Amino acid sequence: MTADQEQATSFGNVATSYDRVRPAPPAAALDWLVPAGCGVAVDLAAGTGLFTRALLGRAARVVAVEPDQRMRDVLAERSPGVDVRTGWGEAIPLPDASADAVFVSTAWHWLDPARAVPEIARVLKPAGRLGVIWTSRDRAEDWVAELDLLRAPGAADAGTGAAEPRTAAQVRARLDRHHTVTLPSGAFRGLEAESFRFTRTISVDDVLEWLATSSGVITAAPAEQTAALARCRTALSARADGAGLLTMPMRSWCWRAQRLLPRWLPSRTGNDENESAVGWQVAVPPTISVWERSTGAHTATGRGIRHSRRITVPRTTRGCLPTGHPNRNRPDRAAGATASG
């Protein structure tokens, strides 16, 4: 097996683990996020479809948009009846004003808001809903926050860089920054935030598999991965019951906002004074930057994100990457899909 084949197999295994051990949101969070009578709901950066499947029965039609083929394969296999499409937050393969709601679950931090927010606004109907959610361990309890320290490569070494949290309080502070939604002016109003706590009974082995889906572990050297997960196993085993189970505090952090009504929308002529602020319908072909998730250039600050080269997309494509473009089906993004959690 070649190195590329081994990498593809490894990422495929990550996608399967991601779907099996990552948490779904609680019903209360969905009640708050999904508008009543939702017709078309879009799960953007859908991954393996954890949130996609939670939308079934709450919207008349669910469309899942995901750039990575391995993630899409798992999504399509486990989500029969869902419309699965290739796309990015900055290039959504849907017509203008075609969705009642667009959701981003545990993936907002991978988007370029300056480009993704106008693109989301483009596909939403007037007064449509943007919903953003992260569902993960609740680091309000110190022992849960400390798992982030133990799983960090080299966390036990004296040379750990200042950029990495060193205490549970620093973990929480970083997550507060991470779980933040800032919307450019001109497209949305009424941004609201809420959170929902719940618990999850889970085995030590499954928690370790869950931790192993984080990009910090995936991109670490094999010896660092082994050492980090061994530290986590020791800490988790001390809290587990005789059957190897523990109760994990969980939390969903949620945001929602409403697409502005037509009187606020820019015109198609290119002369509307609000157009530069909203930036989604222009008279000339827009230049967009597609963000990819990479394992080849992971840094503490980059969190596995790198920019692709800039490309110009003709207006007639309505935000879809042209056939044959080198970034249309890039196979190198799966690890980045797992940065948080």
Protein backbone atom coordinates (compact mmCIF):
# COMPACT_ATOMS: atom_id res chain seq x y z
CA MET A 1 0.00 0.00 0.00
CA THR A 2 1.34 3.42 -0.95
CA ALA A 3 1.65 6.31 1.51
CA ASP A 4 -1.30 8.07 -0.17
CA GLN A 5 -3.42 4.92 0.14
CA GLU A 6 -2.49 4.55 3.82
CA GLN A 7 -3.43 8.19 4.45
CA ALA A 8 -6.75 7.78 2.65
CA THR A 9 -7.52 4.65 4.67
CA SER A 10 -6.59 6.44 7.91
CA PHE A 11 -8.84 9.39 7.14
CA GLY A 12 -11.64 7.02 6.15
CA ASN A 13 -11.32 5.38 9.55
CA VAL A 14 -11.45 8.81 11.19
CA ALA A 15 -14.69 9.58 9.35
CA THR A 16 -16.22 6.32 10.61
CA SER A 17 -15.09 7.00 14.19
CA TYR A 18 -16.30 10.59 13.93
CA ASP A 19 -19.80 9.40 13.09
CA ARG A 20 -19.86 6.69 15.75
CA VAL A 21 -18.55 8.52 18.81
CA ARG A 22 -19.21 12.22 18.22
CA PRO A 23 -22.35 13.47 20.02
CA ALA A 24 -25.63 14.51 18.46
CA PRO A 25 -27.35 17.65 19.83
CA PRO A 26 -30.15 17.37 22.39
CA ALA A 27 -33.77 17.85 21.37
CA ALA A 28 -33.98 21.13 23.31
CA ALA A 29 -31.23 22.67 21.18
CA LEU A 30 -32.99 21.61 17.98
CA ASP A 31 -36.29 23.02 19.26
CA TRP A 32 -34.56 26.36 19.77
CA LEU A 33 -32.63 26.38 16.48
CA VAL A 34 -35.05 25.01 13.89
CA PRO A 35 -37.91 27.37 12.94
CA ALA A 36 -41.45 26.04 12.98
CA GLY A 37 -42.72 24.93 9.59
CA CYS A 38 -39.20 24.74 8.13
CA GLY A 39 -39.37 23.73 4.47
CA VAL A 40 -35.79 23.39 3.18
CA ALA A 41 -33.01 23.06 5.76
CA VAL A 42 -29.35 23.06 4.75
CA ASP A 43 -26.67 21.43 6.91
CA LEU A 44 -23.50 23.23 5.84
CA ALA A 45 -20.15 21.48 6.40
CA ALA A 46 -22.25 18.47 7.35
CA GLY A 47 -19.39 16.04 8.01
CA THR A 48 -20.79 12.54 8.43
CA GLY A 49 -24.33 13.79 8.99
CA LEU A 50 -24.78 13.78 12.76
CA PHE A 51 -26.70 17.06 12.65
CA THR A 52 -28.21 16.23 9.27
CA ARG A 53 -30.04 13.23 10.70
CA ALA A 54 -31.18 15.30 13.67
CA LEU A 55 -32.95 17.62 11.20
CA LEU A 56 -34.96 14.80 9.65
CA GLY A 57 -38.58 15.14 10.71
CA ARG A 58 -38.05 18.80 11.63
CA ALA A 59 -37.81 20.07 8.04
CA ALA A 60 -39.69 18.96 4.96
CA ARG A 61 -36.44 18.61 3.01
CA VAL A 62 -32.84 18.36 4.24
CA VAL A 63 -29.82 19.17 2.08
CA ALA A 64 -26.35 18.25 3.36
CA VAL A 65 -23.35 20.14 1.92
CA GLU A 66 -19.89 18.70 2.63
CA PRO A 67 -16.59 19.10 0.73
CA ASP A 68 -14.80 15.93 1.82
CA GLN A 69 -15.51 12.73 -0.09
CA ARG A 70 -14.80 10.42 2.86
CA MET A 71 -17.18 12.31 5.09
CA ARG A 72 -19.81 12.37 2.34
CA ASP A 73 -19.50 8.63 1.83
CA VAL A 74 -20.36 7.97 5.48
CA LEU A 75 -23.06 10.65 5.39
CA ALA A 76 -24.78 9.18 2.33
CA GLU A 77 -24.57 5.62 3.65
CA ARG A 78 -26.12 6.48 7.00
CA SER A 79 -28.57 9.15 5.88
CA PRO A 80 -30.85 7.63 3.23
CA GLY A 81 -33.19 10.10 1.63
CA VAL A 82 -30.97 13.13 2.32
CA ASP A 83 -29.86 15.29 -0.63
CA VAL A 84 -26.06 15.16 -0.29
CA ARG A 85 -23.99 17.68 -2.26
CA THR A 86 -20.36 18.70 -2.66
CA GLY A 87 -19.74 22.28 -1.57
CA TRP A 88 -18.09 24.73 0.81
CA GLY A 89 -19.37 27.40 3.14
CA GLU A 90 -17.90 29.93 0.74
CA ALA A 91 -19.39 28.20 -2.33
CA ILE A 92 -22.80 26.63 -1.63
CA PRO A 93 -24.30 24.62 -4.53
CA LEU A 94 -27.83 25.99 -4.14
CA PRO A 95 -29.83 28.70 -5.96
CA ASP A 96 -30.56 32.14 -4.55
CA ALA A 97 -33.28 32.35 -1.88
CA SER A 98 -33.89 28.59 -1.92
CA ALA A 99 -33.53 27.64 1.78
CA ASP A 100 -35.64 28.38 4.83
CA ALA A 101 -32.73 27.68 7.19
CA VAL A 102 -28.98 27.10 7.00
CA PHE A 103 -27.22 25.37 9.90
CA VAL A 104 -23.53 24.98 10.71
CA SER A 105 -22.81 22.33 13.34
CA THR A 106 -19.38 22.24 15.01
CA ALA A 107 -17.82 23.75 11.90
CA TRP A 108 -18.26 27.53 12.04
CA HIS A 109 -14.60 27.97 13.01
CA TRP A 110 -13.58 26.43 9.66
CA LEU A 111 -15.40 29.06 7.59
CA ASP A 112 -14.17 32.42 6.34
CA PRO A 113 -17.02 34.60 7.67
CA ALA A 114 -16.30 37.46 5.25
CA ARG A 115 -17.19 35.14 2.36
CA ALA A 116 -19.32 32.45 3.94
CA VAL A 117 -21.84 34.80 5.58
CA PRO A 118 -22.76 36.57 2.31
CA GLU A 119 -22.97 33.17 0.60
CA ILE A 120 -25.29 31.85 3.32
CA ALA A 121 -27.37 35.01 2.96
CA ARG A 122 -27.58 34.41 -0.79
CA VAL A 123 -29.20 30.98 -0.46
CA LEU A 124 -31.54 31.94 2.38
CA LYS A 125 -35.03 33.23 1.75
CA PRO A 126 -35.82 36.65 3.24
CA ALA A 127 -36.34 36.23 6.99
CA GLY A 128 -34.71 32.78 6.77
CA ARG A 129 -32.83 31.35 9.75
CA LEU A 130 -29.08 31.00 10.23
CA GLY A 131 -28.31 28.58 13.06
CA VAL A 132 -24.87 27.76 14.44
CA ILE A 133 -24.19 25.08 17.03
CA TRP A 134 -21.29 23.35 18.75
CA THR A 135 -22.00 20.19 20.73
CA SER A 136 -19.20 18.84 22.86
CA ARG A 137 -17.96 18.12 26.37
CA ASP A 138 -18.86 20.75 28.96
CA ARG A 139 -15.53 22.07 30.20
CA ALA A 140 -17.20 23.89 33.10
CA GLU A 141 -16.04 20.93 35.21
CA ASP A 142 -12.29 20.95 35.73
CA TRP A 143 -11.75 17.24 35.06
CA VAL A 144 -13.41 17.60 31.65
CA ALA A 145 -11.37 20.69 30.77
CA GLU A 146 -8.20 18.89 31.83
CA LEU A 147 -8.77 16.27 29.13
CA ASP A 148 -7.94 18.99 26.62
CA LEU A 149 -4.61 19.49 28.35
CA LEU A 150 -3.83 15.77 28.51
CA ARG A 151 -4.66 15.11 24.87
CA ALA A 152 -2.50 17.97 23.59
CA PRO A 153 0.71 16.59 22.02
CA GLY A 154 3.63 17.27 24.34
CA ALA A 155 1.37 18.50 27.15
CA ALA A 156 3.48 16.63 29.69
CA ASP A 157 6.70 18.24 28.45
CA ALA A 158 8.24 21.30 30.02
CA GLY A 159 8.63 22.88 26.60
CA THR A 160 4.92 23.27 25.86
CA GLY A 161 4.40 26.56 24.04
CA ALA A 162 2.55 29.47 25.61
CA ALA A 163 -0.05 29.32 22.84
CA GLU A 164 -1.42 26.09 24.28
CA PRO A 165 -3.63 26.27 27.41
CA ARG A 166 -1.87 25.22 30.59
CA THR A 167 -4.82 25.30 33.00
CA ALA A 168 -8.52 24.41 32.98
CA ALA A 169 -9.35 28.13 33.15
CA GLN A 170 -7.30 28.76 30.01
CA VAL A 171 -9.09 25.90 28.24
CA ARG A 172 -12.42 27.53 29.04
CA ALA A 173 -11.21 30.95 27.91
CA ARG A 174 -10.03 29.53 24.59
CA LEU A 175 -13.36 27.79 24.05
CA ASP A 176 -15.23 31.02 24.81
CA ARG A 177 -13.29 32.63 21.96
CA HIS A 178 -13.74 29.57 19.78
CA HIS A 179 -17.51 29.40 20.33
CA THR A 180 -18.15 32.92 19.08
CA VAL A 181 -20.21 34.00 16.08
CA THR A 182 -19.59 37.45 14.60
CA LEU A 183 -21.69 38.39 11.58
CA PRO A 184 -20.71 41.16 9.16
CA SER A 185 -23.28 43.93 9.06
CA GLY A 186 -25.84 44.17 6.30
CA ALA A 187 -27.35 40.69 5.97
CA PHE A 188 -28.70 39.47 9.34
CA ARG A 189 -30.41 40.79 12.42
CA GLY A 190 -31.45 39.60 15.86
CA LEU A 191 -28.42 37.45 16.72
CA GLU A 192 -29.29 35.40 19.83
CA ALA A 193 -27.27 32.92 21.86
CA GLU A 194 -28.30 30.05 24.13
CA SER A 195 -26.78 26.88 25.53
CA PHE A 196 -28.18 23.53 26.57
CA ARG A 197 -26.59 21.15 29.05
CA PHE A 198 -27.10 17.38 29.11
CA THR A 199 -25.14 14.26 30.04
CA ARG A 200 -23.93 11.27 28.09
CA THR A 201 -23.16 7.81 29.46
CA ILE A 202 -20.13 6.58 27.54
CA SER A 203 -17.32 4.07 27.90
CA VAL A 204 -13.70 5.00 28.47
CA ASP A 205 -12.78 3.39 25.15
CA ASP A 206 -15.35 5.46 23.28
CA VAL A 207 -14.17 8.67 24.92
CA LEU A 208 -10.62 7.86 23.80
CA GLU A 209 -11.82 7.20 20.26
CA TRP A 210 -13.68 10.52 20.40
CA LEU A 211 -10.58 12.37 21.57
CA ALA A 212 -8.59 10.74 18.80
CA THR A 213 -10.80 12.44 16.18
CA SER A 214 -9.41 15.87 17.10
CA SER A 215 -6.99 17.37 14.58
CA GLY A 216 -4.40 17.98 17.31
CA VAL A 217 -4.16 14.23 17.89
CA ILE A 218 -4.53 13.23 14.23
CA THR A 219 -1.67 15.43 13.08
CA ALA A 220 0.67 14.49 15.96
CA ALA A 221 3.51 12.04 15.54
CA PRO A 222 2.54 8.41 16.39
CA ALA A 223 4.52 8.44 19.64
CA GLU A 224 2.83 11.68 20.75
CA GLN A 225 -0.60 10.27 19.89
CA THR A 226 0.05 7.16 21.97
CA ALA A 227 1.36 9.14 24.94
CA ALA A 228 -1.51 11.66 24.86
CA LEU A 229 -4.22 8.99 24.74
CA ALA A 230 -2.49 6.99 27.49
CA ARG A 231 -2.61 10.05 29.77
CA CYS A 232 -6.30 10.48 28.99
CA ARG A 233 -7.02 6.80 29.66
CA THR A 234 -5.45 7.02 33.11
CA ALA A 235 -7.54 10.06 34.03
CA LEU A 236 -10.77 8.62 32.63
CA SER A 237 -10.33 5.19 34.21
CA ALA A 238 -10.03 6.83 37.63
CA ARG A 239 -13.56 8.24 37.19
CA ALA A 240 -15.24 5.26 35.51
CA ASP A 241 -17.42 2.69 37.25
CA GLY A 242 -16.74 -1.03 37.38
CA ALA A 243 -18.14 -1.50 33.87
CA GLY A 244 -15.79 1.11 32.42
CA LEU A 245 -18.56 3.68 31.98
CA LEU A 246 -18.69 7.30 33.03
CA THR A 247 -21.16 10.16 32.86
CA MET A 248 -19.81 12.89 30.59
CA PRO A 249 -21.17 16.43 31.08
CA MET A 250 -22.20 17.79 27.68
CA ARG A 251 -23.28 21.10 26.27
CA SER A 252 -24.62 22.55 23.03
CA TRP A 253 -23.72 26.20 22.37
CA CYS A 254 -26.23 27.73 19.93
CA TRP A 255 -26.64 30.92 17.91
CA ARG A 256 -29.42 32.01 15.60
CA ALA A 257 -30.12 35.06 13.43
CA GLN A 258 -32.66 36.13 10.83
CA ARG A 259 -31.99 37.05 7.22
CA LEU A 260 -32.93 40.67 6.62
CA LEU A 261 -36.11 41.38 4.71
CA PRO A 262 -36.07 42.39 1.01
CA ARG A 263 -35.92 46.12 1.59
CA TRP A 264 -32.43 45.59 3.00
CA LEU A 265 -31.20 43.36 0.17
CA PRO A 266 -28.79 44.69 -2.45
CA SER A 267 -30.02 45.12 -6.01
CA ARG A 268 -28.76 43.12 -8.98
CA THR A 269 -27.69 46.32 -10.77
CA GLY A 270 -24.59 46.87 -8.71
CA ASN A 271 -25.75 50.38 -7.76
CA ASP A 272 -27.29 49.74 -4.33
CA GLU A 273 -25.45 51.53 -1.54
CA ASN A 274 -25.69 48.49 0.71
CA GLU A 275 -24.13 46.15 -1.82
CA SER A 276 -20.54 46.54 -0.69
CA ALA A 277 -21.51 45.78 2.88
CA VAL A 278 -23.46 42.65 1.99
CA GLY A 279 -21.33 41.59 -0.92
CA TRP A 280 -23.33 38.73 -2.39
CA GLN A 281 -24.87 39.92 -5.66
CA VAL A 282 -22.41 41.83 -7.82
CA ALA A 283 -22.32 42.87 -11.43
CA VAL A 284 -18.85 41.38 -12.03
CA PRO A 285 -17.57 37.88 -11.28
CA PRO A 286 -16.70 37.70 -7.57
CA THR A 287 -13.32 36.52 -6.36
CA ILE A 288 -13.61 34.00 -3.54
CA SER A 289 -11.15 32.08 -1.45
CA VAL A 290 -11.96 28.46 -0.68
CA TRP A 291 -10.75 27.38 2.75
CA GLU A 292 -9.54 23.84 3.09
CA ARG A 293 -8.69 21.73 6.10
CA SER A 294 -5.22 20.31 5.89
CA THR A 295 -3.11 17.90 7.88
CA GLY A 296 0.08 18.98 6.21
CA ALA A 297 0.46 22.40 7.83
CA HIS A 298 -1.05 22.07 11.28
CA THR A 299 0.05 24.70 13.79
CA ALA A 300 -1.21 25.77 17.20
CA THR A 301 -2.57 28.98 15.73
CA GLY A 302 -3.70 27.66 12.37
CA ARG A 303 -5.58 24.67 13.81
CA GLY A 304 -5.04 22.83 10.54
CA ILE A 305 -6.55 25.54 8.31
CA ARG A 306 -4.82 26.89 5.26
CA HIS A 307 -6.01 29.09 2.43
CA SER A 308 -6.16 27.72 -1.05
CA ARG A 309 -5.03 29.89 -3.91
CA ARG A 310 -7.58 32.51 -4.85
CA ILE A 311 -9.88 31.65 -7.74
CA THR A 312 -12.40 33.58 -9.79
CA VAL A 313 -15.81 31.96 -10.13
CA PRO A 314 -18.08 33.10 -12.98
CA ARG A 315 -21.38 34.51 -11.78
CA THR A 316 -23.27 31.92 -13.77
CA THR A 317 -21.97 29.16 -11.49
CA ARG A 318 -23.84 30.78 -8.56
CA GLY A 319 -21.08 29.91 -6.13
CA CYS A 320 -20.27 26.35 -7.33
CA LEU A 321 -16.68 25.44 -8.15
CA PRO A 322 -16.24 24.78 -11.88
CA THR A 323 -15.78 21.22 -13.08
CA GLY A 324 -12.12 20.31 -13.21
CA HIS A 325 -11.02 22.92 -10.67
CA PRO A 326 -8.20 21.43 -8.55
CA ASN A 327 -10.01 22.23 -5.31
CA ARG A 328 -13.38 20.76 -6.33
CA ASN A 329 -12.84 17.36 -4.70
CA ARG A 330 -9.71 17.74 -2.62
CA PRO A 331 -8.95 14.57 -0.59
CA ASP A 332 -6.92 16.27 2.12
CA ARG A 333 -9.55 17.84 4.36
CA ALA A 334 -10.87 15.15 6.67
CA ALA A 335 -8.54 15.70 9.58
CA GLY A 336 -9.41 19.38 9.81
CA ALA A 337 -13.06 18.49 10.06
CA THR A 338 -12.33 17.25 13.54
CA ALA A 339 -10.64 20.25 15.13
CA SER A 340 -13.05 20.81 17.97
CA GLY A 341 -14.82 18.36 20.23
